[in-house]
Amino acid sequence: MKAMVVNAYGNSDVFEATEVAAPTIKAGHVVIKIAASSVNTVDTMIRQMGKDLPLSPDLPAILGMDFAGTVTEIGEGVSNFSVGDEVYGCAGGLADLQGALAQYMLADANLIAHKPKSLSMRETAALPLVGITAYEGLKRAQVSEGQKVLLHGGTGGVGHIALQLAKYFGANVYATGGGESQMALIEHLGATAINYKTESVADYVAKHTDGAGFDVVYDSVGGANMANSFEAAALNGQVASTVSLCELDLTTAHFKGLSLHVVFMLIPMLHNHKRFEHHQILTKLAEIVDVGGVKPVLDASDFSYTEIAQAHDLLSSGKAVGKVVVSVD
């Protein structure tokens, strides 16, 4: 089969079109003909950092975590999928798991689900990693109807899905962005937009919560912004973060009695830990999508997987509007 293979880590030009052996079916797994894959920040980190990142695969490697495609083979013990099923998931591209930048991929059946009927393959491929991350964070933060929820990074990959999910769960949603286009997208998705460049935390907490703070803060920006999340949270509030690789003063969190949830959705893949929960989340996400609760935003770019270098460059440039997706011919 054809694949885009990385033989060395570094700049985006490390991808090489290569003929490799097709995957062999094994128990508990399915083989999938890949239709599309999306690019996530973690994909670019693996490509750049290589073995400095503990989750990076040995070389030569086939990257690409997210995918949508069609089942072509079924392994022993798999009963909930059939040949010809259209599926999606986040099931490779790290550690010892082959990624999706190839014509075919072997995937643990616990890491996939039937794709949403209302989305194209390209749209579906944009959803798994960010959708699971958004869903897990909101559920762990116990989001519920009527709460005030603040999303930092409301137009990002995780943020724009978390925004829609929080609305679906019945919350009153607010999201930060910077610039007219981001503010417009936040409003279009149904949340109240907050311009973090012109409004201080104290200002928007006073404006939108009468100074009480937000019940739930979902921080997909992380780093130094975590201090803003603590400041914006209500007493005994919930804070979920996807980017907590930082040294942080927890004083504000302590005196507010906050609960902090660190979301790292790659754990099931890396450690074979509770993988079936990803199947369950993906199944629920498909249901939510098909009733109109969530729709991923895709960048206007139209890349083939052989143009994965350009796709990585676009995502890294910060100029993409929505998820960057590549089609696998």
C-alpha atoms as a PDB file:
ATOM      1  CA  MET A   1       0.000   0.000   0.000  1.00  0.00           C
ATOM      2  CA  LYS A   2       0.996   3.629  -0.356  1.00  0.00           C
ATOM      3  CA  ALA A   3       1.843   5.671   2.752  1.00  0.00           C
ATOM      4  CA  MET A   4       3.514   8.909   3.782  1.00  0.00           C
ATOM      5  CA  VAL A   5       6.455   7.736   5.863  1.00  0.00           C
ATOM      6  CA  VAL A   6       8.705   9.683   8.217  1.00  0.00           C
ATOM      7  CA  ASN A   7      12.303   8.381   8.135  1.00  0.00           C
ATOM      8  CA  ALA A   8      13.723  11.229  10.238  1.00  0.00           C
ATOM      9  CA  TYR A   9      12.194  13.749  12.603  1.00  0.00           C
ATOM     10  CA  GLY A  10      12.385  17.471  11.887  1.00  0.00           C
ATOM     11  CA  ASN A  11      10.852  19.951   9.441  1.00  0.00           C
ATOM     12  CA  SER A  12       7.710  19.228   7.464  1.00  0.00           C
ATOM     13  CA  ASP A  13       9.719  18.014   4.458  1.00  0.00           C
ATOM     14  CA  VAL A  14      10.517  14.727   6.244  1.00  0.00           C
ATOM     15  CA  PHE A  15       7.430  12.985   4.817  1.00  0.00           C
ATOM     16  CA  GLU A  16       8.180  10.588   1.935  1.00  0.00           C
ATOM     17  CA  ALA A  17       5.706   8.769  -0.310  1.00  0.00           C
ATOM     18  CA  THR A  18       6.597   5.085   0.169  1.00  0.00           C
ATOM     19  CA  GLU A  19       5.253   1.642  -0.714  1.00  0.00           C
ATOM     20  CA  VAL A  20       4.857  -0.379   2.506  1.00  0.00           C
ATOM     21  CA  ALA A  21       3.264  -3.664   3.506  1.00  0.00           C
ATOM     22  CA  ALA A  22      -0.462  -3.520   4.168  1.00  0.00           C
ATOM     23  CA  PRO A  23      -1.519  -4.268   7.761  1.00  0.00           C
ATOM     24  CA  THR A  24      -2.402  -7.832   8.772  1.00  0.00           C
ATOM     25  CA  ILE A  25      -5.620  -8.386  10.678  1.00  0.00           C
ATOM     26  CA  LYS A  26      -5.445  -9.583  14.283  1.00  0.00           C
ATOM     27  CA  ALA A  27      -7.888 -10.346  17.093  1.00  0.00           C
ATOM     28  CA  GLY A  28      -9.859  -7.418  18.480  1.00  0.00           C
ATOM     29  CA  HIS A  29      -8.953  -5.203  15.543  1.00  0.00           C
ATOM     30  CA  VAL A  30     -10.266  -4.131  12.162  1.00  0.00           C
ATOM     31  CA  VAL A  31      -8.504  -3.049   8.985  1.00  0.00           C
ATOM     32  CA  ILE A  32      -9.794   0.264   7.624  1.00  0.00           C
ATOM     33  CA  LYS A  33      -9.476   1.786   4.167  1.00  0.00           C
ATOM     34  CA  ILE A  34      -8.691   5.397   5.052  1.00  0.00           C
ATOM     35  CA  ALA A  35     -10.682   8.162   3.348  1.00  0.00           C
ATOM     36  CA  ALA A  36      -9.410  11.173   5.282  1.00  0.00           C
ATOM     37  CA  SER A  37      -7.255  12.236   8.231  1.00  0.00           C
ATOM     38  CA  SER A  38      -6.975  15.520  10.096  1.00  0.00           C
ATOM     39  CA  VAL A  39      -3.886  17.247  11.457  1.00  0.00           C
ATOM     40  CA  ASN A  40      -3.652  17.986  15.174  1.00  0.00           C
ATOM     41  CA  THR A  41      -1.050  19.999  17.054  1.00  0.00           C
ATOM     42  CA  VAL A  42       0.264  16.809  18.639  1.00  0.00           C
ATOM     43  CA  ASP A  43       0.996  15.449  15.139  1.00  0.00           C
ATOM     44  CA  THR A  44       3.225  18.436  14.404  1.00  0.00           C
ATOM     45  CA  MET A  45       4.892  18.076  17.811  1.00  0.00           C
ATOM     46  CA  ILE A  46       5.760  14.428  17.144  1.00  0.00           C
ATOM     47  CA  ARG A  47       7.132  15.279  13.706  1.00  0.00           C
ATOM     48  CA  GLN A  48       9.276  18.121  15.087  1.00  0.00           C
ATOM     49  CA  MET A  49      10.413  16.713  18.441  1.00  0.00           C
ATOM     50  CA  GLY A  50      10.743  13.023  17.709  1.00  0.00           C
ATOM     51  CA  LYS A  51      11.995  10.991  20.640  1.00  0.00           C
ATOM     52  CA  ASP A  52      12.192  14.093  22.834  1.00  0.00           C
ATOM     53  CA  LEU A  53       8.451  13.464  23.114  1.00  0.00           C
ATOM     54  CA  PRO A  54       7.856  10.190  25.006  1.00  0.00           C
ATOM     55  CA  LEU A  55       4.858   9.208  22.865  1.00  0.00           C
ATOM     56  CA  SER A  56       6.647   9.424  19.493  1.00  0.00           C
ATOM     57  CA  PRO A  57       6.931   6.213  17.429  1.00  0.00           C
ATOM     58  CA  ASP A  58      10.164   4.565  16.346  1.00  0.00           C
ATOM     59  CA  LEU A  59      11.342   5.327  12.816  1.00  0.00           C
ATOM     60  CA  PRO A  60      10.341   4.729  10.100  1.00  0.00           C
ATOM     61  CA  ALA A  61       6.886   5.889  11.171  1.00  0.00           C
ATOM     62  CA  ILE A  62       3.458   6.548   9.696  1.00  0.00           C
ATOM     63  CA  LEU A  63       1.844   9.450  11.540  1.00  0.00           C
ATOM     64  CA  GLY A  64      -1.750  10.691  11.627  1.00  0.00           C
ATOM     65  CA  MET A  65      -4.054  10.029  14.572  1.00  0.00           C
ATOM     66  CA  ASP A  66      -7.539  10.954  13.339  1.00  0.00           C
ATOM     67  CA  PHE A  67      -9.295   9.172  10.495  1.00  0.00           C
ATOM     68  CA  ALA A  68     -12.533   8.312   8.783  1.00  0.00           C
ATOM     69  CA  GLY A  69     -12.839   5.326   6.494  1.00  0.00           C
ATOM     70  CA  THR A  70     -14.424   1.977   5.664  1.00  0.00           C
ATOM     71  CA  VAL A  71     -13.881  -1.385   7.363  1.00  0.00           C
ATOM     72  CA  THR A  72     -12.352  -3.981   5.013  1.00  0.00           C
ATOM     73  CA  GLU A  73     -11.430  -6.807   7.424  1.00  0.00           C
ATOM     74  CA  ILE A  74     -12.691  -7.949  10.822  1.00  0.00           C
ATOM     75  CA  GLY A  75     -10.534  -9.633  13.456  1.00  0.00           C
ATOM     76  CA  GLU A  76     -11.525 -12.452  15.782  1.00  0.00           C
ATOM     77  CA  GLY A  77     -13.699 -11.308  18.678  1.00  0.00           C
ATOM     78  CA  VAL A  78     -15.032  -8.179  16.960  1.00  0.00           C
ATOM     79  CA  SER A  79     -18.829  -8.300  16.869  1.00  0.00           C
ATOM     80  CA  ASN A  80     -20.013  -4.709  16.605  1.00  0.00           C
ATOM     81  CA  PHE A  81     -18.540  -3.915  13.174  1.00  0.00           C
ATOM     82  CA  SER A  82     -18.919  -5.454   9.740  1.00  0.00           C
ATOM     83  CA  VAL A  83     -17.038  -5.209   6.466  1.00  0.00           C
ATOM     84  CA  GLY A  84     -18.290  -2.114   4.651  1.00  0.00           C
ATOM     85  CA  ASP A  85     -19.103  -0.120   7.806  1.00  0.00           C
ATOM     86  CA  GLU A  86     -18.103   3.538   7.689  1.00  0.00           C
ATOM     87  CA  VAL A  87     -16.183   4.335  10.875  1.00  0.00           C
ATOM     88  CA  TYR A  88     -14.041   6.968  12.530  1.00  0.00           C
ATOM     89  CA  GLY A  89     -11.611   7.223  15.391  1.00  0.00           C
ATOM     90  CA  CYS A  90      -8.254   8.232  16.800  1.00  0.00           C
ATOM     91  CA  ALA A  91      -6.276   5.023  16.905  1.00  0.00           C
ATOM     92  CA  GLY A  92      -2.657   5.389  15.800  1.00  0.00           C
ATOM     93  CA  GLY A  93       0.193   7.665  14.785  1.00  0.00           C
ATOM     94  CA  LEU A  94       2.061   7.323  18.082  1.00  0.00           C
ATOM     95  CA  ALA A  95       4.038   4.763  20.102  1.00  0.00           C
ATOM     96  CA  ASP A  96       3.767   1.374  18.346  1.00  0.00           C
ATOM     97  CA  LEU A  97       0.475   2.136  16.558  1.00  0.00           C
ATOM     98  CA  GLN A  98       0.568   2.837  12.816  1.00  0.00           C
ATOM     99  CA  GLY A  99      -1.096   6.101  11.830  1.00  0.00           C
ATOM    100  CA  ALA A 100      -3.685   7.094   9.247  1.00  0.00           C
ATOM    101  CA  LEU A 101      -1.494   8.644   6.526  1.00  0.00           C
ATOM    102  CA  ALA A 102      -1.758   5.489   4.470  1.00  0.00           C
ATOM    103  CA  GLN A 103      -4.271   3.670   2.307  1.00  0.00           C
ATOM    104  CA  TYR A 104      -5.031   1.131   5.059  1.00  0.00           C
ATOM    105  CA  MET A 105      -4.746   1.104   8.845  1.00  0.00           C
ATOM    106  CA  LEU A 106      -5.093  -1.521  11.563  1.00  0.00           C
ATOM    107  CA  ALA A 107      -7.175  -0.174  14.460  1.00  0.00           C
ATOM    108  CA  ASP A 108      -8.275  -1.533  17.818  1.00  0.00           C
ATOM    109  CA  ALA A 109     -12.056  -1.899  17.574  1.00  0.00           C
ATOM    110  CA  ASN A 110     -12.352  -0.297  21.018  1.00  0.00           C
ATOM    111  CA  LEU A 111     -10.937   2.968  19.637  1.00  0.00           C
ATOM    112  CA  ILE A 112     -13.424   3.441  16.799  1.00  0.00           C
ATOM    113  CA  ALA A 113     -17.150   3.925  16.228  1.00  0.00           C
ATOM    114  CA  HIS A 114     -19.606   4.174  13.365  1.00  0.00           C
ATOM    115  CA  LYS A 115     -19.253   7.592  11.740  1.00  0.00           C
ATOM    116  CA  PRO A 116     -21.985  10.231  11.972  1.00  0.00           C
ATOM    117  CA  LYS A 117     -24.416   9.731   9.095  1.00  0.00           C
ATOM    118  CA  SER A 118     -24.802  13.464   8.523  1.00  0.00           C
ATOM    119  CA  LEU A 119     -21.112  14.241   7.945  1.00  0.00           C
ATOM    120  CA  SER A 120     -18.824  13.645   4.999  1.00  0.00           C
ATOM    121  CA  MET A 121     -15.675  11.581   5.461  1.00  0.00           C
ATOM    122  CA  ARG A 122     -13.588  14.775   5.537  1.00  0.00           C
ATOM    123  CA  GLU A 123     -15.800  16.376   8.173  1.00  0.00           C
ATOM    124  CA  THR A 124     -15.816  13.182  10.217  1.00  0.00           C
ATOM    125  CA  ALA A 125     -12.015  12.916  10.160  1.00  0.00           C
ATOM    126  CA  ALA A 126     -11.819  16.328  11.842  1.00  0.00           C
ATOM    127  CA  LEU A 127     -13.716  15.159  14.901  1.00  0.00           C
ATOM    128  CA  PRO A 128     -12.168  12.258  16.896  1.00  0.00           C
ATOM    129  CA  LEU A 129      -9.247  13.708  18.886  1.00  0.00           C
ATOM    130  CA  VAL A 130     -10.808  17.097  19.548  1.00  0.00           C
ATOM    131  CA  GLY A 131     -14.260  15.616  20.103  1.00  0.00           C
ATOM    132  CA  ILE A 132     -13.100  13.073  22.665  1.00  0.00           C
ATOM    133  CA  THR A 133     -11.005  15.730  24.416  1.00  0.00           C
ATOM    134  CA  ALA A 134     -13.868  18.220  24.555  1.00  0.00           C
ATOM    135  CA  TYR A 135     -16.388  15.628  25.733  1.00  0.00           C
ATOM    136  CA  GLU A 136     -14.126  14.162  28.407  1.00  0.00           C
ATOM    137  CA  GLY A 137     -13.206  17.564  29.809  1.00  0.00           C
ATOM    138  CA  LEU A 138     -16.790  18.767  30.068  1.00  0.00           C
ATOM    139  CA  LYS A 139     -18.013  15.524  31.620  1.00  0.00           C
ATOM    140  CA  ARG A 140     -15.205  15.449  34.169  1.00  0.00           C
ATOM    141  CA  ALA A 141     -16.014  19.067  35.036  1.00  0.00           C
ATOM    142  CA  GLN A 142     -19.621  17.970  35.592  1.00  0.00           C
ATOM    143  CA  VAL A 143     -21.129  20.502  33.204  1.00  0.00           C
ATOM    144  CA  SER A 144     -24.898  20.682  33.570  1.00  0.00           C
ATOM    145  CA  GLU A 145     -27.936  22.583  32.384  1.00  0.00           C
ATOM    146  CA  GLY A 146     -28.099  26.231  33.362  1.00  0.00           C
ATOM    147  CA  GLN A 147     -24.459  26.577  34.368  1.00  0.00           C
ATOM    148  CA  LYS A 148     -22.265  29.372  33.096  1.00  0.00           C
ATOM    149  CA  VAL A 149     -19.357  27.857  31.176  1.00  0.00           C
ATOM    150  CA  LEU A 150     -16.292  29.760  29.956  1.00  0.00           C
ATOM    151  CA  LEU A 151     -14.152  28.344  27.151  1.00  0.00           C
ATOM    152  CA  HIS A 152     -10.669  29.718  26.602  1.00  0.00           C
ATOM    153  CA  GLY A 153      -9.719  29.305  22.953  1.00  0.00           C
ATOM    154  CA  GLY A 154     -13.266  29.059  21.666  1.00  0.00           C
ATOM    155  CA  THR A 155     -12.304  28.853  17.995  1.00  0.00           C
ATOM    156  CA  GLY A 156      -9.554  26.248  18.368  1.00  0.00           C
ATOM    157  CA  GLY A 157      -9.898  22.578  17.466  1.00  0.00           C
ATOM    158  CA  VAL A 158     -10.966  21.489  20.947  1.00  0.00           C
ATOM    159  CA  GLY A 159     -12.558  24.818  21.828  1.00  0.00           C
ATOM    160  CA  HIS A 160     -15.091  25.049  19.006  1.00  0.00           C
ATOM    161  CA  ILE A 161     -16.299  21.495  19.689  1.00  0.00           C
ATOM    162  CA  ALA A 162     -16.421  22.031  23.470  1.00  0.00           C
ATOM    163  CA  LEU A 163     -18.434  25.204  22.865  1.00  0.00           C
ATOM    164  CA  GLN A 164     -21.075  23.296  20.920  1.00  0.00           C
ATOM    165  CA  LEU A 165     -21.131  20.377  23.354  1.00  0.00           C
ATOM    166  CA  ALA A 166     -21.564  22.681  26.361  1.00  0.00           C
ATOM    167  CA  LYS A 167     -24.529  24.268  24.602  1.00  0.00           C
ATOM    168  CA  TYR A 168     -25.944  20.837  23.822  1.00  0.00           C
ATOM    169  CA  PHE A 169     -25.665  19.965  27.525  1.00  0.00           C
ATOM    170  CA  GLY A 170     -27.760  23.044  28.334  1.00  0.00           C
ATOM    171  CA  ALA A 171     -25.100  25.438  29.624  1.00  0.00           C
ATOM    172  CA  ASN A 172     -24.880  29.165  29.010  1.00  0.00           C
ATOM    173  CA  VAL A 173     -21.630  29.385  27.085  1.00  0.00           C
ATOM    174  CA  TYR A 174     -19.040  32.146  26.834  1.00  0.00           C
ATOM    175  CA  ALA A 175     -15.810  31.847  24.859  1.00  0.00           C
ATOM    176  CA  THR A 176     -12.655  33.892  24.440  1.00  0.00           C
ATOM    177  CA  GLY A 177     -11.147  34.840  21.116  1.00  0.00           C
ATOM    178  CA  GLY A 178      -9.041  37.587  19.613  1.00  0.00           C
ATOM    179  CA  GLY A 179      -9.977  39.529  16.512  1.00  0.00           C
ATOM    180  CA  GLU A 180     -13.145  40.009  14.489  1.00  0.00           C
ATOM    181  CA  SER A 181     -13.117  36.643  12.679  1.00  0.00           C
ATOM    182  CA  GLN A 182     -12.753  34.643  15.888  1.00  0.00           C
ATOM    183  CA  MET A 183     -15.423  36.678  17.642  1.00  0.00           C
ATOM    184  CA  ALA A 184     -17.769  36.185  14.684  1.00  0.00           C
ATOM    185  CA  LEU A 185     -17.242  32.410  14.673  1.00  0.00           C
ATOM    186  CA  ILE A 186     -17.910  32.173  18.413  1.00  0.00           C
ATOM    187  CA  GLU A 187     -21.171  34.074  18.005  1.00  0.00           C
ATOM    188  CA  HIS A 188     -22.091  31.959  14.952  1.00  0.00           C
ATOM    189  CA  LEU A 189     -21.625  28.801  17.024  1.00  0.00           C
ATOM    190  CA  GLY A 190     -24.021  30.182  19.621  1.00  0.00           C
ATOM    191  CA  ALA A 191     -21.838  31.445  22.457  1.00  0.00           C
ATOM    192  CA  THR A 192     -21.186  34.892  23.864  1.00  0.00           C
ATOM    193  CA  ALA A 193     -17.827  36.103  22.552  1.00  0.00           C
ATOM    194  CA  ILE A 194     -15.234  37.675  24.848  1.00  0.00           C
ATOM    195  CA  ASN A 195     -12.249  39.480  23.340  1.00  0.00           C
ATOM    196  CA  TYR A 196      -9.356  38.560  25.624  1.00  0.00           C
ATOM    197  CA  LYS A 197      -7.209  41.229  23.982  1.00  0.00           C
ATOM    198  CA  THR A 198      -9.463  44.087  25.060  1.00  0.00           C
ATOM    199  CA  GLU A 199     -11.272  42.750  28.154  1.00  0.00           C
ATOM    200  CA  SER A 200      -9.583  41.843  31.425  1.00  0.00           C
ATOM    201  CA  VAL A 201     -10.665  38.756  33.365  1.00  0.00           C
ATOM    202  CA  ALA A 202     -12.070  40.948  36.117  1.00  0.00           C
ATOM    203  CA  ASP A 203     -14.067  42.922  33.559  1.00  0.00           C
ATOM    204  CA  TYR A 204     -15.745  39.979  31.869  1.00  0.00           C
ATOM    205  CA  VAL A 205     -16.346  38.133  35.141  1.00  0.00           C
ATOM    206  CA  ALA A 206     -18.123  41.230  36.437  1.00  0.00           C
ATOM    207  CA  LYS A 207     -20.017  41.733  33.175  1.00  0.00           C
ATOM    208  CA  HIS A 208     -21.261  38.177  32.668  1.00  0.00           C
ATOM    209  CA  THR A 209     -21.448  36.700  36.186  1.00  0.00           C
ATOM    210  CA  ASP A 210     -21.925  39.757  38.426  1.00  0.00           C
ATOM    211  CA  GLY A 211     -18.507  38.995  39.857  1.00  0.00           C
ATOM    212  CA  ALA A 212     -19.374  35.467  41.001  1.00  0.00           C
ATOM    213  CA  GLY A 213     -17.288  33.677  38.388  1.00  0.00           C
ATOM    214  CA  PHE A 214     -18.041  30.850  35.968  1.00  0.00           C
ATOM    215  CA  ASP A 215     -19.201  27.450  37.185  1.00  0.00           C
ATOM    216  CA  VAL A 216     -16.967  25.654  34.686  1.00  0.00           C
ATOM    217  CA  VAL A 217     -13.876  26.931  32.876  1.00  0.00           C
ATOM    218  CA  TYR A 218     -12.497  24.831  30.003  1.00  0.00           C
ATOM    219  CA  ASP A 219      -8.983  25.998  29.155  1.00  0.00           C
ATOM    220  CA  SER A 220      -7.663  24.756  25.812  1.00  0.00           C
ATOM    221  CA  VAL A 221      -4.971  27.479  25.801  1.00  0.00           C
ATOM    222  CA  GLY A 222      -3.204  26.476  29.004  1.00  0.00           C
ATOM    223  CA  GLY A 223       0.233  27.509  30.157  1.00  0.00           C
ATOM    224  CA  ALA A 224       0.222  30.982  31.680  1.00  0.00           C
ATOM    225  CA  ASN A 225      -3.470  31.305  30.795  1.00  0.00           C
ATOM    226  CA  MET A 226      -4.287  28.841  33.578  1.00  0.00           C
ATOM    227  CA  ALA A 227      -3.975  31.729  36.020  1.00  0.00           C
ATOM    228  CA  ASN A 228      -6.770  33.479  34.101  1.00  0.00           C
ATOM    229  CA  SER A 229      -8.898  30.358  34.368  1.00  0.00           C
ATOM    230  CA  PHE A 230      -8.468  30.258  38.136  1.00  0.00           C
ATOM    231  CA  GLU A 231      -9.335  33.960  38.364  1.00  0.00           C
ATOM    232  CA  ALA A 232     -12.448  33.489  36.224  1.00  0.00           C
ATOM    233  CA  ALA A 233     -13.801  30.450  38.095  1.00  0.00           C
ATOM    234  CA  ALA A 234     -16.481  30.641  40.760  1.00  0.00           C
ATOM    235  CA  LEU A 235     -16.010  29.427  44.331  1.00  0.00           C
ATOM    236  CA  ASN A 236     -15.833  25.600  44.295  1.00  0.00           C
ATOM    237  CA  GLY A 237     -15.801  25.833  40.503  1.00  0.00           C
ATOM    238  CA  GLN A 238     -14.476  23.302  38.016  1.00  0.00           C
ATOM    239  CA  VAL A 239     -11.483  23.932  35.736  1.00  0.00           C
ATOM    240  CA  ALA A 240     -10.530  21.552  32.907  1.00  0.00           C
ATOM    241  CA  SER A 241      -7.276  21.972  31.012  1.00  0.00           C
ATOM    242  CA  THR A 242      -5.781  20.300  27.963  1.00  0.00           C
ATOM    243  CA  VAL A 243      -2.432  22.124  28.157  1.00  0.00           C
ATOM    244  CA  SER A 244      -1.064  21.988  31.702  1.00  0.00           C
ATOM    245  CA  LEU A 245       2.641  21.415  31.008  1.00  0.00           C
ATOM    246  CA  CYS A 246       3.715  24.325  33.177  1.00  0.00           C
ATOM    247  CA  GLU A 247       4.772  25.440  36.620  1.00  0.00           C
ATOM    248  CA  LEU A 248       1.786  27.064  38.272  1.00  0.00           C
ATOM    249  CA  ASP A 249       0.905  28.919  41.467  1.00  0.00           C
ATOM    250  CA  LEU A 250      -2.165  27.170  42.898  1.00  0.00           C
ATOM    251  CA  THR A 251      -2.852  29.800  45.544  1.00  0.00           C
ATOM    252  CA  THR A 252      -5.988  31.165  43.832  1.00  0.00           C
ATOM    253  CA  ALA A 253      -7.247  27.655  43.172  1.00  0.00           C
ATOM    254  CA  HIS A 254      -6.698  26.779  46.828  1.00  0.00           C
ATOM    255  CA  PHE A 255      -8.572  29.727  48.314  1.00  0.00           C
ATOM    256  CA  LYS A 256     -11.445  29.249  45.861  1.00  0.00           C
ATOM    257  CA  GLY A 257     -11.621  25.503  46.481  1.00  0.00           C
ATOM    258  CA  LEU A 258     -11.387  24.754  42.758  1.00  0.00           C
ATOM    259  CA  SER A 259     -11.277  21.299  41.193  1.00  0.00           C
ATOM    260  CA  LEU A 260      -8.729  20.926  38.379  1.00  0.00           C
ATOM    261  CA  HIS A 261      -9.135  18.262  35.684  1.00  0.00           C
ATOM    262  CA  VAL A 262      -6.202  17.557  33.365  1.00  0.00           C
ATOM    263  CA  VAL A 263      -7.387  16.029  30.097  1.00  0.00           C
ATOM    264  CA  PHE A 264      -4.907  13.856  28.161  1.00  0.00           C
ATOM    265  CA  MET A 265      -6.974  11.800  25.742  1.00  0.00           C
ATOM    266  CA  LEU A 266      -4.017   9.795  24.407  1.00  0.00           C
ATOM    267  CA  ILE A 267      -3.813   7.678  27.586  1.00  0.00           C
ATOM    268  CA  PRO A 268      -6.008   4.820  26.251  1.00  0.00           C
ATOM    269  CA  MET A 269      -3.847   4.493  23.125  1.00  0.00           C
ATOM    270  CA  LEU A 270      -0.527   4.793  24.950  1.00  0.00           C
ATOM    271  CA  HIS A 271      -1.315   2.478  27.849  1.00  0.00           C
ATOM    272  CA  ASN A 272      -4.145   0.276  26.536  1.00  0.00           C
ATOM    273  CA  HIS A 273      -6.189   1.698  29.390  1.00  0.00           C
ATOM    274  CA  LYS A 274     -10.017   1.830  29.183  1.00  0.00           C
ATOM    275  CA  ARG A 275      -9.978   1.995  25.386  1.00  0.00           C
ATOM    276  CA  PHE A 276     -13.651   1.050  25.179  1.00  0.00           C
ATOM    277  CA  GLU A 277     -14.508   4.423  26.751  1.00  0.00           C
ATOM    278  CA  HIS A 278     -13.297   6.066  23.533  1.00  0.00           C
ATOM    279  CA  HIS A 279     -15.671   3.873  21.536  1.00  0.00           C
ATOM    280  CA  GLN A 280     -18.482   4.958  23.837  1.00  0.00           C
ATOM    281  CA  ILE A 281     -17.626   8.660  23.553  1.00  0.00           C
ATOM    282  CA  LEU A 282     -17.296   8.485  19.760  1.00  0.00           C
ATOM    283  CA  THR A 283     -20.651   6.696  19.550  1.00  0.00           C
ATOM    284  CA  LYS A 284     -22.290   9.391  21.661  1.00  0.00           C
ATOM    285  CA  LEU A 285     -20.617  12.155  19.642  1.00  0.00           C
ATOM    286  CA  ALA A 286     -22.005  10.654  16.436  1.00  0.00           C
ATOM    287  CA  GLU A 287     -25.492  10.735  17.952  1.00  0.00           C
ATOM    288  CA  ILE A 288     -25.067  14.369  19.003  1.00  0.00           C
ATOM    289  CA  VAL A 289     -23.768  15.310  15.553  1.00  0.00           C
ATOM    290  CA  ASP A 290     -26.685  13.613  13.807  1.00  0.00           C
ATOM    291  CA  VAL A 291     -29.269  15.557  15.832  1.00  0.00           C
ATOM    292  CA  GLY A 292     -27.521  18.823  14.953  1.00  0.00           C
ATOM    293  CA  GLY A 293     -25.746  19.399  18.256  1.00  0.00           C
ATOM    294  CA  VAL A 294     -22.194  19.575  16.870  1.00  0.00           C
ATOM    295  CA  LYS A 295     -20.617  20.278  13.494  1.00  0.00           C
ATOM    296  CA  PRO A 296     -16.861  20.552  13.051  1.00  0.00           C
ATOM    297  CA  VAL A 297     -15.470  23.612  11.309  1.00  0.00           C
ATOM    298  CA  LEU A 298     -13.047  22.775   8.500  1.00  0.00           C
ATOM    299  CA  ASP A 299     -10.421  24.992   6.959  1.00  0.00           C
ATOM    300  CA  ALA A 300     -11.014  25.772   3.293  1.00  0.00           C
ATOM    301  CA  SER A 301      -7.774  24.033   2.269  1.00  0.00           C
ATOM    302  CA  ASP A 302      -8.043  20.934   0.074  1.00  0.00           C
ATOM    303  CA  PHE A 303      -4.967  18.755   0.615  1.00  0.00           C
ATOM    304  CA  SER A 304      -4.258  15.193  -0.411  1.00  0.00           C
ATOM    305  CA  TYR A 305      -2.336  13.072   2.102  1.00  0.00           C
ATOM    306  CA  THR A 306       0.663  13.333  -0.227  1.00  0.00           C
ATOM    307  CA  GLU A 307       0.570  17.056   0.610  1.00  0.00           C
ATOM    308  CA  ILE A 308       0.793  16.403   4.343  1.00  0.00           C
ATOM    309  CA  ALA A 309       3.844  18.693   4.612  1.00  0.00           C
ATOM    310  CA  GLN A 310       1.773  21.669   3.422  1.00  0.00           C
ATOM    311  CA  ALA A 311      -1.024  20.683   5.808  1.00  0.00           C
ATOM    312  CA  HIS A 312       1.409  20.629   8.751  1.00  0.00           C
ATOM    313  CA  ASP A 313       2.803  24.002   7.690  1.00  0.00           C
ATOM    314  CA  LEU A 314      -0.670  25.535   7.480  1.00  0.00           C
ATOM    315  CA  LEU A 315      -1.626  24.345  10.957  1.00  0.00           C
ATOM    316  CA  SER A 316       1.690  25.533  12.413  1.00  0.00           C
ATOM    317  CA  SER A 317       1.293  28.955  10.777  1.00  0.00           C
ATOM    318  CA  GLY A 318      -1.767  29.757  12.871  1.00  0.00           C
ATOM    319  CA  LYS A 319      -3.593  30.857   9.710  1.00  0.00           C
ATOM    320  CA  ALA A 320      -5.942  27.883   9.460  1.00  0.00           C
ATOM    321  CA  VAL A 321      -9.615  28.586  10.147  1.00  0.00           C
ATOM    322  CA  GLY A 322     -10.984  25.325  11.480  1.00  0.00           C
ATOM    323  CA  LYS A 323      -9.509  21.827  11.319  1.00  0.00           C
ATOM    324  CA  VAL A 324      -6.980  21.012   8.594  1.00  0.00           C
ATOM    325  CA  VAL A 325      -7.975  17.794   6.815  1.00  0.00           C
ATOM    326  CA  VAL A 326      -6.185  15.701   4.180  1.00  0.00           C
ATOM    327  CA  SER A 327      -7.941  13.272   1.842  1.00  0.00           C
ATOM    328  CA  VAL A 328      -6.481   9.818   1.233  1.00  0.00           C
ATOM    329  CA  ASP A 329      -7.030   8.816  -2.387  1.00  0.00           C
END
